[in-house]
Protein backbone atom coordinates (compact mmCIF):
# COMPACT_ATOMS: atom_id res chain seq x y z
CA UNK A 1 93.40 124.43 90.87
CA UNK A 2 90.16 127.06 92.00
CA UNK A 3 88.87 126.96 88.49
CA UNK A 4 88.75 123.34 88.75
CA UNK A 5 87.23 123.18 92.02
CA UNK A 6 84.40 125.27 90.61
CA UNK A 7 83.81 123.68 87.46
CA UNK A 8 80.81 121.83 86.58
CA UNK A 9 82.52 118.10 85.86
CA UNK A 10 83.00 115.94 88.53
CA UNK A 11 85.72 113.82 87.22
CA UNK A 12 87.54 117.80 87.38
CA UNK A 13 86.35 118.60 90.83
CA UNK A 14 87.91 115.52 91.36
CA UNK A 15 91.29 115.76 89.49
CA UNK A 16 91.80 119.30 90.83
CA UNK A 17 91.39 117.71 94.58
CA UNK A 18 93.87 115.55 94.12
CA UNK A 19 96.17 117.82 93.01
CA UNK A 20 95.39 119.65 96.33
CA UNK A 21 95.92 116.87 98.58
CA UNK A 22 98.71 116.68 96.95
CA UNK A 23 100.13 119.55 97.11
CA UNK A 24 99.19 120.67 100.67
CA UNK A 25 100.91 117.99 102.45
CA UNK A 26 104.11 120.01 102.37
CA UNK A 27 101.49 123.31 101.66
CA UNK A 28 99.29 122.96 103.95
CA UNK A 29 98.41 127.29 103.22
CA UNK A 30 96.80 126.12 100.26
CA UNK A 31 94.15 124.35 101.92
CA UNK A 32 93.55 127.24 104.28
CA UNK A 33 93.26 129.57 100.98
CA UNK A 34 90.72 127.16 99.86
CA UNK A 35 88.82 126.04 103.03
CA UNK A 36 85.50 127.73 102.05
CA UNK A 37 85.03 125.81 98.46
CA UNK A 38 86.62 122.67 100.66
CA UNK A 39 83.61 123.00 102.90
CA UNK A 40 80.98 123.91 100.57
CA UNK A 41 82.30 120.75 98.37
CA UNK A 42 82.51 117.86 101.38
CA UNK A 43 78.76 119.47 102.57
CA UNK A 44 77.02 119.29 99.68
CA UNK A 45 78.80 118.03 95.87
CA UNK A 46 75.90 116.05 94.37
CA UNK A 47 78.79 113.48 93.82
CA UNK A 48 79.89 110.93 96.78
CA UNK A 49 83.56 111.03 95.72
CA UNK A 50 83.91 114.78 95.48
CA UNK A 51 83.19 114.89 99.16
CA UNK A 52 85.54 112.28 99.80
CA UNK A 53 87.82 114.39 98.41
CA UNK A 54 86.82 117.83 99.80
CA UNK A 55 87.55 115.90 103.36
CA UNK A 56 90.69 114.35 102.89
CA UNK A 57 92.25 117.31 101.65
CA UNK A 58 90.73 119.60 105.05
CA UNK A 59 93.04 116.87 106.79
CA UNK A 60 96.16 118.63 105.41
CA UNK A 61 95.14 122.24 106.66
CA UNK A 62 95.12 124.18 109.97
CA UNK A 63 92.44 122.20 112.67
CA UNK A 64 89.94 125.17 112.52
CA UNK A 65 86.55 125.04 115.26
CA UNK A 66 84.38 125.16 112.14
CA UNK A 67 85.75 122.93 109.85
CA UNK A 68 85.44 120.33 112.63
CA UNK A 69 82.06 121.24 113.29
CA UNK A 70 81.15 120.77 109.55
CA UNK A 71 82.99 117.51 109.48
CA UNK A 72 81.40 116.22 112.96
CA UNK A 73 78.44 116.94 111.59
CA UNK A 74 78.44 114.85 108.65
CA UNK A 75 79.73 111.99 110.32
CA UNK A 76 76.69 112.02 113.04
CA UNK A 77 73.83 112.14 109.94
CA UNK A 78 72.78 109.22 109.14
CA UNK A 79 71.26 109.98 105.88
CA UNK A 80 75.05 110.47 104.36
CA UNK A 81 76.54 107.95 103.12
CA UNK A 82 78.76 105.14 105.12
CA UNK A 83 82.11 106.01 103.69
CA UNK A 84 81.64 109.61 103.62
CA UNK A 85 80.76 109.81 107.35
CA UNK A 86 83.60 107.43 108.35
CA UNK A 87 85.83 109.60 106.58
CA UNK A 88 84.65 113.06 107.79
CA UNK A 89 84.41 111.40 111.86
CA UNK A 90 88.56 110.19 111.25
CA UNK A 91 89.60 113.41 109.77
CA UNK A 92 87.68 115.50 112.62
CA UNK A 93 89.51 113.02 114.79
CA UNK A 94 92.74 114.05 113.58
CA UNK A 95 91.74 117.67 113.19
CA UNK A 96 90.87 117.66 117.28
CA UNK A 97 94.37 115.82 118.53
CA UNK A 98 96.70 118.47 115.51
CA UNK A 99 94.65 121.66 117.41
CA UNK A 100 94.86 119.87 121.18
CA UNK A 101 98.78 119.10 119.94
CA UNK A 102 99.35 122.65 119.61
CA UNK A 103 97.78 124.34 122.99
């Protein structure tokens, strides 16, 4: 899966992200293992669909402060795609609530 996330093809990266999202529903550690790459894809990938998929994957991981900050930054950036901003806002809020429930 890591090789797929690093591939130059957006289709390959997208397929790897879909697989990661499905597998991480029962195994959130998978997201935590590749979190830095997901942050990079969500923030800087050239393909908007890949960016949104990376954001969706982050929902299945632990509610880390850095992830929430990145998602909030994307959600507040007027230069970002509307769908990407909405996804980032939704996942940031979900992670924030997860974090609050654990305290």
